[in-house]
């Protein structure tokens, strides 16, 4: 359309995605093509309770809306991804095990919409990550896939015939809470022997601390200057890369449990791709071959293991926030 010989610029639109995790809040502002205009990453500090965390989210949204990059664009909607069980229809955080106390039955979407004056939509964080990877990441063009994130917790998302699968109550994909050892360690969810209790970041560190305390021969102690509180997955990874046998055994154990979990998923869902994301996935070269070894030892009926694609997340730490924004797009496109 032209007016007085000049082209009239159509209004550009953007969506905000917020990934509320146990450690950090990550947020992005993107357009419908996945272009990132703004991004933010701040500590969650969940110990101060839901109201304080929600204020942080609102502050990020306000900061984006007034930024120079977005000043001439229109905010269409907001997606909020959280680490736990959610009621997507009601916009309620039902149970977030990794965000300390107080995060039970919190109507987060009502509060976000009221304070931001924008439509908002709620989704589990790893289902959001799955959406992000399927739309703009490693899963583009793949019709059947499973996404697993490894970090403070372990989450998952499932794509069947090109569509994310939520199940009858919207909670399908809680891969971290499948039982791997029936009488294993207590999980934050209240059960025992969950994959998350055996192979999450805290579980990996707990194993390392236990072995160091027992006096095992390892350089991990030197890497943290004898301060066991400094042991994190990166420290154990660095030790393994230096050939430390104890650290290598810890990663073997990690891969073994993940391999068991993935083997279970393969015979039930037969995906063509498994996407691994989250902080621990940065040690993919220490994990992938042992994972494949365990799968081959456990799967004898059904899928052809040689056809399975085991890959790292392409979108990295922004996958959940990007997926949350996509979730807003998808919901608003239905209206």
Protein backbone atom coordinates (compact mmCIF):
# COMPACT_ATOMS: atom_id res chain seq x y z
CA UNK A 1 0.00 0.00 0.00
CA UNK A 2 1.35 3.42 -0.86
CA UNK A 3 0.46 6.91 0.28
CA UNK A 4 1.86 10.17 -1.19
CA UNK A 5 4.50 8.13 -2.99
CA UNK A 6 5.85 6.61 0.25
CA UNK A 7 5.61 2.99 1.36
CA UNK A 8 3.60 2.55 4.57
CA UNK A 9 5.48 0.31 6.99
CA UNK A 10 3.34 -2.49 8.42
CA UNK A 11 3.51 -2.89 12.18
CA UNK A 12 5.96 -5.59 13.27
CA UNK A 13 4.96 -7.99 16.01
CA UNK A 14 6.90 -9.87 18.66
CA UNK A 15 6.33 -12.45 21.37
CA UNK A 16 8.02 -12.81 24.76
CA UNK A 17 9.03 -16.19 26.12
CA UNK A 18 10.06 -16.66 29.75
CA UNK A 19 11.70 -19.82 31.09
CA UNK A 20 11.37 -19.95 34.88
CA UNK A 21 13.95 -22.40 36.19
CA UNK A 22 15.16 -23.40 39.62
CA UNK A 23 18.37 -21.41 39.17
CA UNK A 24 17.74 -18.76 36.52
CA UNK A 25 14.98 -16.91 34.71
CA UNK A 26 15.71 -16.74 30.99
CA UNK A 27 13.65 -14.59 28.65
CA UNK A 28 13.64 -13.72 24.94
CA UNK A 29 11.65 -11.50 22.61
CA UNK A 30 11.25 -13.05 19.14
CA UNK A 31 9.23 -12.65 15.97
CA UNK A 32 7.27 -15.44 14.26
CA UNK A 33 10.39 -16.50 12.36
CA UNK A 34 12.38 -17.07 15.55
CA UNK A 35 14.59 -13.99 15.27
CA UNK A 36 15.72 -12.92 18.74
CA UNK A 37 15.52 -9.16 19.38
CA UNK A 38 16.22 -9.13 23.13
CA UNK A 39 17.26 -11.66 25.74
CA UNK A 40 17.78 -11.67 29.48
CA UNK A 41 19.11 -14.10 32.08
CA UNK A 42 18.86 -13.36 35.81
CA UNK A 43 18.96 -15.44 39.03
CA UNK A 44 15.58 -16.85 40.08
CA UNK A 45 16.16 -16.51 43.83
CA UNK A 46 13.11 -18.68 44.46
CA UNK A 47 13.79 -18.65 48.20
CA UNK A 48 12.06 -15.25 48.32
CA UNK A 49 8.79 -16.83 47.26
CA UNK A 50 6.43 -16.68 44.26
CA UNK A 51 5.44 -12.98 44.53
CA UNK A 52 9.08 -11.86 44.35
CA UNK A 53 9.82 -14.14 41.40
CA UNK A 54 6.72 -12.97 39.53
CA UNK A 55 7.81 -9.37 40.08
CA UNK A 56 11.13 -10.24 38.46
CA UNK A 57 9.32 -11.67 35.43
CA UNK A 58 7.18 -8.54 35.11
CA UNK A 59 10.30 -6.40 35.37
CA UNK A 60 11.87 -8.29 32.44
CA UNK A 61 8.69 -7.89 30.37
CA UNK A 62 8.56 -4.15 31.11
CA UNK A 63 12.25 -3.84 30.24
CA UNK A 64 11.68 -5.51 26.87
CA UNK A 65 8.63 -3.38 26.08
CA UNK A 66 10.56 -0.15 26.65
CA UNK A 67 13.76 -1.25 24.93
CA UNK A 68 14.94 0.65 21.86
CA UNK A 69 14.89 -2.48 19.68
CA UNK A 70 11.21 -3.13 20.38
CA UNK A 71 9.89 0.42 20.77
CA UNK A 72 8.28 0.44 17.30
CA UNK A 73 6.98 -3.13 17.53
CA UNK A 74 3.84 -4.52 19.12
CA UNK A 75 3.85 -7.21 21.82
CA UNK A 76 1.27 -9.85 20.87
CA UNK A 77 1.57 -12.39 23.69
CA UNK A 78 3.70 -13.94 26.40
CA UNK A 79 4.60 -17.57 27.03
CA UNK A 80 5.67 -18.69 30.50
CA UNK A 81 7.54 -21.98 30.87
CA UNK A 82 8.06 -23.44 34.34
CA UNK A 83 9.93 -26.45 35.70
CA UNK A 84 7.17 -28.66 37.04
CA UNK A 85 3.55 -29.73 36.77
CA UNK A 86 1.19 -27.11 35.35
CA UNK A 87 -2.50 -26.70 34.54
CA UNK A 88 -2.20 -25.07 31.12
CA UNK A 89 -5.92 -24.34 30.76
CA UNK A 90 -6.15 -22.54 34.11
CA UNK A 91 -2.65 -21.05 33.98
CA UNK A 92 -1.74 -22.50 37.36
CA UNK A 93 1.62 -23.82 38.60
CA UNK A 94 0.48 -26.94 40.42
CA UNK A 95 3.79 -28.35 41.69
CA UNK A 96 7.30 -27.08 41.02
CA UNK A 97 9.63 -29.42 42.96
CA UNK A 98 12.85 -27.57 42.13
CA UNK A 99 11.69 -24.11 43.25
CA UNK A 100 11.72 -24.69 47.02
CA UNK A 101 8.55 -24.16 49.01
CA UNK A 102 5.51 -22.08 48.17
CA UNK A 103 5.20 -23.04 44.50
CA UNK A 104 1.98 -25.00 44.75
CA UNK A 105 -1.27 -23.98 43.03
CA UNK A 106 0.06 -20.54 42.06
CA UNK A 107 -2.17 -18.76 39.46
CA UNK A 108 0.83 -17.28 37.68
CA UNK A 109 -0.88 -16.44 34.38
CA UNK A 110 -3.63 -14.36 35.99
CA UNK A 111 -0.96 -12.30 37.74
CA UNK A 112 1.23 -11.94 34.64
CA UNK A 113 -1.70 -10.84 32.46
CA UNK A 114 -2.94 -8.34 35.05
CA UNK A 115 0.44 -6.70 35.52
CA UNK A 116 1.64 -6.83 31.89
CA UNK A 117 -1.70 -6.06 30.22
CA UNK A 118 -0.95 -8.82 27.67
CA UNK A 119 -2.28 -12.29 26.95
CA UNK A 120 -0.11 -14.99 28.53
CA UNK A 121 0.03 -18.77 28.32
CA UNK A 122 1.59 -21.42 30.57
CA UNK A 123 3.55 -24.54 29.61
CA UNK A 124 6.01 -26.93 31.23
CA UNK A 125 9.61 -25.86 30.58
CA UNK A 126 10.78 -28.99 28.77
CA UNK A 127 7.64 -29.17 26.65
CA UNK A 128 8.57 -25.58 25.73
CA UNK A 129 12.14 -26.67 24.96
CA UNK A 130 10.72 -29.43 22.79
CA UNK A 131 8.60 -26.91 20.88
CA UNK A 132 11.63 -24.68 20.41
CA UNK A 133 13.83 -27.49 19.10
CA UNK A 134 11.06 -28.86 16.84
CA UNK A 135 10.30 -25.44 15.33
CA UNK A 136 13.69 -23.72 15.06
CA UNK A 137 16.27 -26.18 16.38
CA UNK A 138 17.65 -29.68 16.00
CA UNK A 139 14.22 -31.23 15.41
CA UNK A 140 13.21 -29.24 12.34
CA UNK A 141 11.59 -31.58 9.82
CA UNK A 142 11.49 -34.52 12.26
CA UNK A 143 8.02 -35.98 12.80
CA UNK A 144 8.68 -38.19 15.84
CA UNK A 145 11.14 -37.17 18.52
CA UNK A 146 11.80 -37.01 22.23
CA UNK A 147 13.59 -34.12 23.93
CA UNK A 148 15.31 -34.64 27.29
CA UNK A 149 16.89 -31.89 29.38
CA UNK A 150 19.54 -32.65 31.98
CA UNK A 151 20.16 -30.07 34.68
CA UNK A 152 18.89 -29.35 38.19
CA UNK A 153 16.09 -31.72 37.26
CA UNK A 154 15.39 -33.99 34.29
CA UNK A 155 12.45 -33.20 32.05
CA UNK A 156 11.12 -34.34 28.72
CA UNK A 157 8.85 -33.64 25.80
CA UNK A 158 7.39 -35.87 23.10
CA UNK A 159 6.53 -35.08 19.49
CA UNK A 160 4.30 -37.58 17.66
CA UNK A 161 3.44 -37.15 13.97
CA UNK A 162 4.75 -33.61 14.03
CA UNK A 163 2.71 -32.48 17.05
CA UNK A 164 3.79 -32.10 20.65
CA UNK A 165 2.01 -34.69 22.79
CA UNK A 166 0.53 -33.50 26.09
CA UNK A 167 -1.58 -36.51 27.11
CA UNK A 168 -5.06 -36.50 28.63
CA UNK A 169 -4.17 -34.07 31.44
CA UNK A 170 -1.38 -32.11 29.76
CA UNK A 171 1.44 -33.71 31.75
CA UNK A 172 2.87 -36.26 29.30
CA UNK A 173 6.65 -36.16 29.09
CA UNK A 174 7.72 -36.39 32.74
CA UNK A 175 10.66 -38.53 31.66
CA UNK A 176 12.70 -37.67 34.76
CA UNK A 177 10.12 -39.33 36.99
CA UNK A 178 10.04 -42.76 35.41
CA UNK A 179 11.24 -45.32 37.97
CA UNK A 180 14.67 -46.74 37.14
CA UNK A 181 15.52 -48.29 40.54
CA UNK A 182 12.39 -49.18 42.57
CA UNK A 183 14.21 -48.85 45.90
CA UNK A 184 16.62 -46.14 44.83
CA UNK A 185 17.23 -42.72 46.39
CA UNK A 186 14.35 -40.44 47.33
CA UNK A 187 13.37 -37.98 44.58
CA UNK A 188 12.17 -34.40 45.08
CA UNK A 189 8.77 -35.55 43.76
CA UNK A 190 8.38 -37.86 46.77
CA UNK A 191 8.94 -41.18 45.01
CA UNK A 192 12.05 -43.35 44.97
CA UNK A 193 14.45 -44.33 42.22
CA UNK A 194 13.32 -41.76 39.64
CA UNK A 195 15.72 -41.03 36.79
CA UNK A 196 16.01 -37.48 38.18
CA UNK A 197 17.15 -38.80 41.56
CA UNK A 198 19.84 -40.87 39.85
CA UNK A 199 21.11 -38.78 36.95
CA UNK A 200 20.31 -35.09 37.45
CA UNK A 201 23.04 -32.52 38.11
CA UNK A 202 22.59 -32.69 41.90
CA UNK A 203 22.62 -36.51 41.77
CA UNK A 204 25.85 -36.52 39.79
CA UNK A 205 27.46 -34.09 42.25
CA UNK A 206 26.19 -36.07 45.25
CA UNK A 207 27.88 -39.18 43.87
CA UNK A 208 31.15 -37.30 43.40
CA UNK A 209 31.04 -35.81 46.91
CA UNK A 210 30.31 -39.22 48.44
CA UNK A 211 33.27 -40.84 46.72
CA UNK A 212 35.64 -37.98 47.57
CA UNK A 213 34.60 -38.20 51.24
CA UNK A 214 35.35 -41.91 51.17
CA UNK A 215 38.93 -41.07 50.25
CA UNK A 216 38.85 -42.25 46.64
CA UNK A 217 41.85 -41.45 44.50
CA UNK A 218 40.73 -38.48 42.38
CA UNK A 219 41.84 -35.02 41.27
CA UNK A 220 38.36 -33.65 41.98
CA UNK A 221 39.51 -32.73 45.49
CA UNK A 222 42.36 -30.64 44.08
CA UNK A 223 40.13 -28.96 41.47
CA UNK A 224 37.94 -27.53 44.25
CA UNK A 225 40.76 -26.80 46.71
CA UNK A 226 39.26 -29.30 49.17
CA UNK A 227 35.98 -27.35 49.31
CA UNK A 228 33.42 -30.03 48.46
CA UNK A 229 30.68 -27.39 48.17
CA UNK A 230 32.34 -26.27 44.93
CA UNK A 231 31.81 -29.62 43.22
CA UNK A 232 29.47 -29.21 40.26
CA UNK A 233 28.99 -31.12 36.98
CA UNK A 234 31.59 -28.94 35.25
CA UNK A 235 34.23 -29.88 37.83
CA UNK A 236 33.46 -33.58 37.37
CA UNK A 237 33.55 -33.09 33.60
CA UNK A 238 36.95 -31.36 33.78
CA UNK A 239 38.32 -34.18 35.92
CA UNK A 240 37.07 -36.77 33.43
CA UNK A 241 38.69 -34.94 30.53
CA UNK A 242 41.99 -35.10 32.41
CA UNK A 243 41.66 -38.87 32.61
CA UNK A 244 40.53 -39.11 36.24
CA UNK A 245 39.21 -42.66 36.61
CA UNK A 246 36.70 -41.85 39.34
CA UNK A 247 35.22 -38.98 37.31
CA UNK A 248 35.02 -41.20 34.22
CA UNK A 249 33.18 -43.83 36.29
CA UNK A 250 30.69 -41.18 37.44
CA UNK A 251 29.96 -40.23 33.83
CA UNK A 252 29.65 -43.91 32.90
CA UNK A 253 27.08 -44.29 35.67
CA UNK A 254 25.24 -41.19 34.42
CA UNK A 255 25.14 -42.58 30.88
CA UNK A 256 23.99 -45.99 32.11
CA UNK A 257 20.90 -44.59 33.83
CA UNK A 258 20.10 -42.34 30.88
CA UNK A 259 20.53 -45.30 28.55
CA UNK A 260 18.04 -47.36 30.58
CA UNK A 261 15.51 -44.53 30.50
CA UNK A 262 15.91 -43.96 26.76
CA UNK A 263 15.64 -47.70 26.09
CA UNK A 264 12.25 -47.67 27.83
CA UNK A 265 11.11 -44.76 25.69
CA UNK A 266 12.31 -46.32 22.45
CA UNK A 267 10.28 -49.50 22.77
CA UNK A 268 7.13 -47.54 23.69
CA UNK A 269 7.30 -44.57 21.30
CA UNK A 270 9.80 -45.51 18.56
CA UNK A 271 11.09 -41.95 17.87
CA UNK A 272 13.54 -41.25 15.07
CA UNK A 273 15.45 -38.71 17.16
CA UNK A 274 16.41 -38.10 20.79
CA UNK A 275 17.48 -34.52 21.55
CA UNK A 276 19.53 -34.00 24.70
CA UNK A 277 19.67 -30.51 26.20
CA UNK A 278 20.42 -28.79 29.49
CA UNK A 279 23.71 -28.02 31.20
CA UNK A 280 24.88 -31.62 31.49
CA UNK A 281 24.48 -32.11 27.73
CA UNK A 282 27.65 -30.05 27.27
CA UNK A 283 29.47 -33.27 28.18
CA UNK A 284 27.79 -35.05 25.26
CA UNK A 285 31.03 -36.65 24.09
CA UNK A 286 31.34 -38.35 27.50
CA UNK A 287 27.72 -39.53 27.43
CA UNK A 288 26.53 -40.44 23.97
CA UNK A 289 28.58 -43.55 23.23
CA UNK A 290 27.95 -45.12 26.68
CA UNK A 291 24.24 -44.29 26.30
CA UNK A 292 24.15 -46.07 22.92
CA UNK A 293 26.01 -49.01 24.44
CA UNK A 294 23.38 -49.40 27.17
CA UNK A 295 20.54 -49.07 24.65
CA UNK A 296 22.01 -51.84 22.50
CA UNK A 297 22.34 -54.05 25.58
CA UNK A 298 18.69 -53.49 26.54
CA UNK A 299 16.59 -53.16 23.35
CA UNK A 300 16.06 -56.37 21.38
CA UNK A 301 12.47 -56.00 20.17
CA UNK A 302 11.02 -53.17 18.09
CA UNK A 303 13.06 -50.19 16.84
CA UNK A 304 16.23 -50.37 14.75
CA UNK A 305 18.78 -48.78 17.08
CA UNK A 306 21.16 -47.99 14.21
CA UNK A 307 18.56 -45.62 12.76
CA UNK A 308 18.17 -43.63 15.97
CA UNK A 309 19.59 -40.10 15.88
CA UNK A 310 20.98 -39.03 19.25
CA UNK A 311 21.80 -35.31 19.07
CA UNK A 312 22.45 -32.28 21.25
CA UNK A 313 20.06 -29.36 21.56
CA UNK A 314 20.71 -26.76 18.87
CA UNK A 315 19.12 -23.79 20.67
CA UNK A 316 21.05 -24.32 23.91
CA UNK A 317 20.05 -22.39 27.01
CA UNK A 318 17.50 -20.29 25.11
CA UNK A 319 15.45 -23.29 23.92
CA UNK A 320 12.89 -23.13 26.76
CA UNK A 321 12.29 -19.39 26.45
CA UNK A 322 12.03 -19.61 22.66
CA UNK A 323 9.58 -22.50 23.01
CA UNK A 324 7.50 -20.53 25.51
CA UNK A 325 7.19 -17.71 22.97
CA UNK A 326 6.18 -20.26 20.31
CA UNK A 327 3.53 -21.58 22.72
CA UNK A 328 2.05 -18.07 22.88
CA UNK A 329 2.10 -17.87 19.06
CA UNK A 330 0.32 -21.20 18.71
CA UNK A 331 -2.38 -20.31 21.21
CA UNK A 332 -3.02 -16.89 19.74
CA UNK A 333 -3.20 -18.30 16.21
CA UNK A 334 -6.22 -20.35 17.34
CA UNK A 335 -8.15 -17.26 18.39
